[in-house]
Amino acid sequence: MTTLLDRLGAARKANDLVRLGEAIPYAKWMNMAPENTTGELLTRMRYHPQLIGNAHLPALHGGTIGALLETAAIFHLLWEMDNAALPRIINITVDYLRSGRPMDTLARANFTKLGRRVASVAVEAWQDDRSKPVGAAQLHFLVTPVR
């Protein structure tokens, strides 16, 4: 049986984003997957009716947008860092900027700071227009192996 770190390492070595997405069960369950169709690492959350939090608008549940922001940061860390440890979240601050409509949502993560022990990541999520984000987050992760 292979460990999660083994599967993630194999996905990175094979340059296979599909395998990276499939290695994280929660992301797979939420229909979130990394992609690189535009030359940058993006995370797409495919729309499905269970994501709706307000049926009157309809609008995506804020928790699903927060989960997308966090997952995009984790995919970015796992893909970009050559580390034998899973990132462990220290804290997350989410800004909900507008209602998410019932459609696919994309997110892009960038390192704000990458140190030996802690990584700071900024993430932005949007739907059809990148200049109109639905949410943004700042996350800090512990990136050292557990002893």
C-alpha atoms as a PDB file:
ATOM      1  CA  MET A   1       0.000   0.000   0.000  1.00  0.00           C
ATOM      2  CA  THR A   2       1.383   3.408  -0.937  1.00  0.00           C
ATOM      3  CA  THR A   3       1.201   6.381   1.382  1.00  0.00           C
ATOM      4  CA  LEU A   4      -0.277   9.741   0.473  1.00  0.00           C
ATOM      5  CA  LEU A   5       3.214  11.230   0.268  1.00  0.00           C
ATOM      6  CA  ASP A   6       4.262   8.459  -2.147  1.00  0.00           C
ATOM      7  CA  ARG A   7       1.247   9.157  -4.401  1.00  0.00           C
ATOM      8  CA  LEU A   8       1.885  12.897  -4.307  1.00  0.00           C
ATOM      9  CA  GLY A   9       5.570  12.393  -5.111  1.00  0.00           C
ATOM     10  CA  ALA A  10       4.709  10.115  -8.030  1.00  0.00           C
ATOM     11  CA  ALA A  11       2.220  12.670  -9.387  1.00  0.00           C
ATOM     12  CA  ARG A  12       4.806  15.460  -9.157  1.00  0.00           C
ATOM     13  CA  LYS A  13       7.512  13.290 -10.745  1.00  0.00           C
ATOM     14  CA  ALA A  14       5.184  12.344 -13.623  1.00  0.00           C
ATOM     15  CA  ASN A  15       4.041  15.996 -13.938  1.00  0.00           C
ATOM     16  CA  ASP A  16       0.476  14.668 -13.694  1.00  0.00           C
ATOM     17  CA  LEU A  17      -1.987  17.133 -12.150  1.00  0.00           C
ATOM     18  CA  VAL A  18      -4.842  14.631 -12.472  1.00  0.00           C
ATOM     19  CA  ARG A  19      -3.044  12.231 -10.126  1.00  0.00           C
ATOM     20  CA  LEU A  20      -2.380  15.120  -7.721  1.00  0.00           C
ATOM     21  CA  GLY A  21      -6.093  15.888  -7.535  1.00  0.00           C
ATOM     22  CA  GLU A  22      -7.057  12.244  -7.128  1.00  0.00           C
ATOM     23  CA  ALA A  23      -4.583  11.818  -4.256  1.00  0.00           C
ATOM     24  CA  ILE A  24      -6.647  14.148  -2.035  1.00  0.00           C
ATOM     25  CA  PRO A  25      -9.978  12.416  -1.226  1.00  0.00           C
ATOM     26  CA  TYR A  26     -11.733  15.571   0.037  1.00  0.00           C
ATOM     27  CA  ALA A  27     -10.897  17.471  -3.138  1.00  0.00           C
ATOM     28  CA  LYS A  28     -12.165  14.591  -5.240  1.00  0.00           C
ATOM     29  CA  TRP A  29     -15.403  14.428  -3.216  1.00  0.00           C
ATOM     30  CA  MET A  30     -15.942  18.212  -3.626  1.00  0.00           C
ATOM     31  CA  ASN A  31     -15.248  17.993  -7.405  1.00  0.00           C
ATOM     32  CA  MET A  32     -12.113  20.136  -7.062  1.00  0.00           C
ATOM     33  CA  ALA A  33      -9.152  19.449  -9.288  1.00  0.00           C
ATOM     34  CA  PRO A  34      -5.950  21.240 -10.278  1.00  0.00           C
ATOM     35  CA  GLU A  35      -5.478  22.158 -13.923  1.00  0.00           C
ATOM     36  CA  ASN A  36      -2.940  23.896 -16.095  1.00  0.00           C
ATOM     37  CA  THR A  37      -4.819  24.858 -19.248  1.00  0.00           C
ATOM     38  CA  THR A  38      -3.695  28.503 -19.206  1.00  0.00           C
ATOM     39  CA  GLY A  39      -0.035  27.995 -18.314  1.00  0.00           C
ATOM     40  CA  GLU A  40      -0.635  28.547 -14.598  1.00  0.00           C
ATOM     41  CA  LEU A  41      -1.728  26.194 -11.851  1.00  0.00           C
ATOM     42  CA  LEU A  42      -5.437  26.750 -11.190  1.00  0.00           C
ATOM     43  CA  THR A  43      -7.910  24.806  -9.079  1.00  0.00           C
ATOM     44  CA  ARG A  44     -11.413  24.311 -10.472  1.00  0.00           C
ATOM     45  CA  MET A  45     -14.443  23.482  -8.347  1.00  0.00           C
ATOM     46  CA  ARG A  46     -17.038  22.019 -10.692  1.00  0.00           C
ATOM     47  CA  TYR A  47     -20.555  23.179  -9.932  1.00  0.00           C
ATOM     48  CA  HIS A  48     -23.146  20.745  -8.622  1.00  0.00           C
ATOM     49  CA  PRO A  49     -26.444  21.555  -6.833  1.00  0.00           C
ATOM     50  CA  GLN A  50     -25.191  20.389  -3.411  1.00  0.00           C
ATOM     51  CA  LEU A  51     -22.888  23.442  -3.309  1.00  0.00           C
ATOM     52  CA  ILE A  52     -25.826  25.859  -3.064  1.00  0.00           C
ATOM     53  CA  GLY A  53     -26.181  27.539   0.320  1.00  0.00           C
ATOM     54  CA  ASN A  54     -28.920  30.068  -0.518  1.00  0.00           C
ATOM     55  CA  ALA A  55     -31.532  28.593  -2.833  1.00  0.00           C
ATOM     56  CA  HIS A  56     -33.388  31.917  -3.175  1.00  0.00           C
ATOM     57  CA  LEU A  57     -30.560  33.697  -5.017  1.00  0.00           C
ATOM     58  CA  PRO A  58     -29.172  30.936  -5.784  1.00  0.00           C
ATOM     59  CA  ALA A  59     -25.665  31.320  -4.329  1.00  0.00           C
ATOM     60  CA  LEU A  60     -22.848  28.961  -3.435  1.00  0.00           C
ATOM     61  CA  HIS A  61     -22.408  28.184   0.250  1.00  0.00           C
ATOM     62  CA  GLY A  62     -19.580  30.228   1.748  1.00  0.00           C
ATOM     63  CA  GLY A  63     -18.004  27.079   3.185  1.00  0.00           C
ATOM     64  CA  THR A  64     -17.525  25.652  -0.290  1.00  0.00           C
ATOM     65  CA  ILE A  65     -15.776  28.829  -1.430  1.00  0.00           C
ATOM     66  CA  GLY A  66     -13.556  28.715   1.676  1.00  0.00           C
ATOM     67  CA  ALA A  67     -12.804  25.041   0.995  1.00  0.00           C
ATOM     68  CA  LEU A  68     -11.831  25.884  -2.598  1.00  0.00           C
ATOM     69  CA  LEU A  69      -9.478  28.633  -1.426  1.00  0.00           C
ATOM     70  CA  GLU A  70      -7.811  26.311   1.083  1.00  0.00           C
ATOM     71  CA  THR A  71      -7.571  23.425  -1.388  1.00  0.00           C
ATOM     72  CA  ALA A  72      -6.035  25.675  -4.059  1.00  0.00           C
ATOM     73  CA  ALA A  73      -3.356  26.722  -1.554  1.00  0.00           C
ATOM     74  CA  ILE A  74      -2.652  23.080  -0.644  1.00  0.00           C
ATOM     75  CA  PHE A  75      -2.408  22.025  -4.305  1.00  0.00           C
ATOM     76  CA  HIS A  76      -0.011  24.928  -4.913  1.00  0.00           C
ATOM     77  CA  LEU A  77       2.176  23.919  -1.965  1.00  0.00           C
ATOM     78  CA  LEU A  78       2.192  20.223  -2.893  1.00  0.00           C
ATOM     79  CA  TRP A  79       3.022  20.974  -6.518  1.00  0.00           C
ATOM     80  CA  GLU A  80       5.660  23.660  -6.021  1.00  0.00           C
ATOM     81  CA  MET A  81       7.497  22.465  -2.915  1.00  0.00           C
ATOM     82  CA  ASP A  82       9.992  19.649  -3.018  1.00  0.00           C
ATOM     83  CA  ASN A  83       9.300  18.633   0.562  1.00  0.00           C
ATOM     84  CA  ALA A  84       8.708  15.288   2.205  1.00  0.00           C
ATOM     85  CA  ALA A  85       5.955  16.659   4.446  1.00  0.00           C
ATOM     86  CA  LEU A  86       2.305  17.456   4.089  1.00  0.00           C
ATOM     87  CA  PRO A  87       1.527  21.119   4.730  1.00  0.00           C
ATOM     88  CA  ARG A  88      -0.392  21.681   7.963  1.00  0.00           C
ATOM     89  CA  ILE A  89      -2.578  24.742   8.194  1.00  0.00           C
ATOM     90  CA  ILE A  90      -1.788  27.269  10.923  1.00  0.00           C
ATOM     91  CA  ASN A  91      -4.513  29.788  10.101  1.00  0.00           C
ATOM     92  CA  ILE A  92      -6.740  31.051   7.317  1.00  0.00           C
ATOM     93  CA  THR A  93      -8.438  34.391   6.776  1.00  0.00           C
ATOM     94  CA  VAL A  94     -11.175  34.389   4.141  1.00  0.00           C
ATOM     95  CA  ASP A  95     -12.727  37.458   2.531  1.00  0.00           C
ATOM     96  CA  TYR A  96     -16.078  36.797   0.864  1.00  0.00           C
ATOM     97  CA  LEU A  97     -16.260  39.452  -1.849  1.00  0.00           C
ATOM     98  CA  ARG A  98     -19.490  38.646  -3.738  1.00  0.00           C
ATOM     99  CA  SER A  99     -22.044  35.874  -4.074  1.00  0.00           C
ATOM    100  CA  GLY A 100     -20.883  32.822  -5.964  1.00  0.00           C
ATOM    101  CA  ARG A 101     -23.318  31.926  -8.733  1.00  0.00           C
ATOM    102  CA  PRO A 102     -24.244  28.341  -9.649  1.00  0.00           C
ATOM    103  CA  MET A 103     -21.325  27.726 -12.007  1.00  0.00           C
ATOM    104  CA  ASP A 104     -17.727  26.453 -11.950  1.00  0.00           C
ATOM    105  CA  THR A 105     -15.359  28.453  -9.755  1.00  0.00           C
ATOM    106  CA  LEU A 106     -11.603  28.823 -10.302  1.00  0.00           C
ATOM    107  CA  ALA A 107      -8.872  29.712  -7.813  1.00  0.00           C
ATOM    108  CA  ARG A 108      -5.216  30.723  -8.129  1.00  0.00           C
ATOM    109  CA  ALA A 109      -2.657  30.582  -5.302  1.00  0.00           C
ATOM    110  CA  ASN A 110       0.656  32.432  -4.970  1.00  0.00           C
ATOM    111  CA  PHE A 111       3.370  32.280  -2.348  1.00  0.00           C
ATOM    112  CA  THR A 112       3.539  35.447  -0.286  1.00  0.00           C
ATOM    113  CA  LYS A 113       6.500  34.068   1.645  1.00  0.00           C
ATOM    114  CA  LEU A 114       8.125  30.668   1.577  1.00  0.00           C
ATOM    115  CA  GLY A 115      10.415  29.919   4.477  1.00  0.00           C
ATOM    116  CA  ARG A 116      12.020  26.767   5.859  1.00  0.00           C
ATOM    117  CA  ARG A 117       9.210  26.187   8.372  1.00  0.00           C
ATOM    118  CA  VAL A 118       6.268  28.362   7.365  1.00  0.00           C
ATOM    119  CA  ALA A 119       4.666  29.193   4.025  1.00  0.00           C
ATOM    120  CA  SER A 120       2.328  32.121   3.513  1.00  0.00           C
ATOM    121  CA  VAL A 121      -0.054  31.755   0.571  1.00  0.00           C
ATOM    122  CA  ALA A 122      -2.527  34.211  -0.981  1.00  0.00           C
ATOM    123  CA  VAL A 123      -5.449  32.791  -2.984  1.00  0.00           C
ATOM    124  CA  GLU A 124      -8.127  34.394  -5.124  1.00  0.00           C
ATOM    125  CA  ALA A 125     -11.274  32.732  -6.523  1.00  0.00           C
ATOM    126  CA  TRP A 126     -13.467  33.887  -9.402  1.00  0.00           C
ATOM    127  CA  GLN A 127     -16.073  32.546 -11.775  1.00  0.00           C
ATOM    128  CA  ASP A 128     -16.480  33.869 -15.319  1.00  0.00           C
ATOM    129  CA  ASP A 129     -14.538  37.141 -14.855  1.00  0.00           C
ATOM    130  CA  ARG A 130     -11.163  37.050 -13.118  1.00  0.00           C
ATOM    131  CA  SER A 131     -11.387  40.769 -12.350  1.00  0.00           C
ATOM    132  CA  LYS A 132     -14.485  40.100 -10.194  1.00  0.00           C
ATOM    133  CA  PRO A 133     -13.352  37.682  -7.471  1.00  0.00           C
ATOM    134  CA  VAL A 134     -15.912  35.909  -5.301  1.00  0.00           C
ATOM    135  CA  GLY A 135     -13.426  35.295  -2.510  1.00  0.00           C
ATOM    136  CA  ALA A 136      -9.841  35.728  -1.398  1.00  0.00           C
ATOM    137  CA  ALA A 137      -7.809  34.191   1.400  1.00  0.00           C
ATOM    138  CA  GLN A 138      -4.501  34.479   3.179  1.00  0.00           C
ATOM    139  CA  LEU A 139      -3.213  31.197   4.625  1.00  0.00           C
ATOM    140  CA  HIS A 140      -0.201  30.158   6.693  1.00  0.00           C
ATOM    141  CA  PHE A 141       1.083  26.588   6.685  1.00  0.00           C
ATOM    142  CA  LEU A 142       3.664  24.686   8.661  1.00  0.00           C
ATOM    143  CA  VAL A 143       5.776  22.925   6.038  1.00  0.00           C
ATOM    144  CA  THR A 144       8.262  20.968   8.165  1.00  0.00           C
ATOM    145  CA  PRO A 145       7.955  17.210   8.679  1.00  0.00           C
ATOM    146  CA  VAL A 146       6.255  15.974  11.842  1.00  0.00           C
ATOM    147  CA  ARG A 147       8.758  14.446  14.274  1.00  0.00           C
END
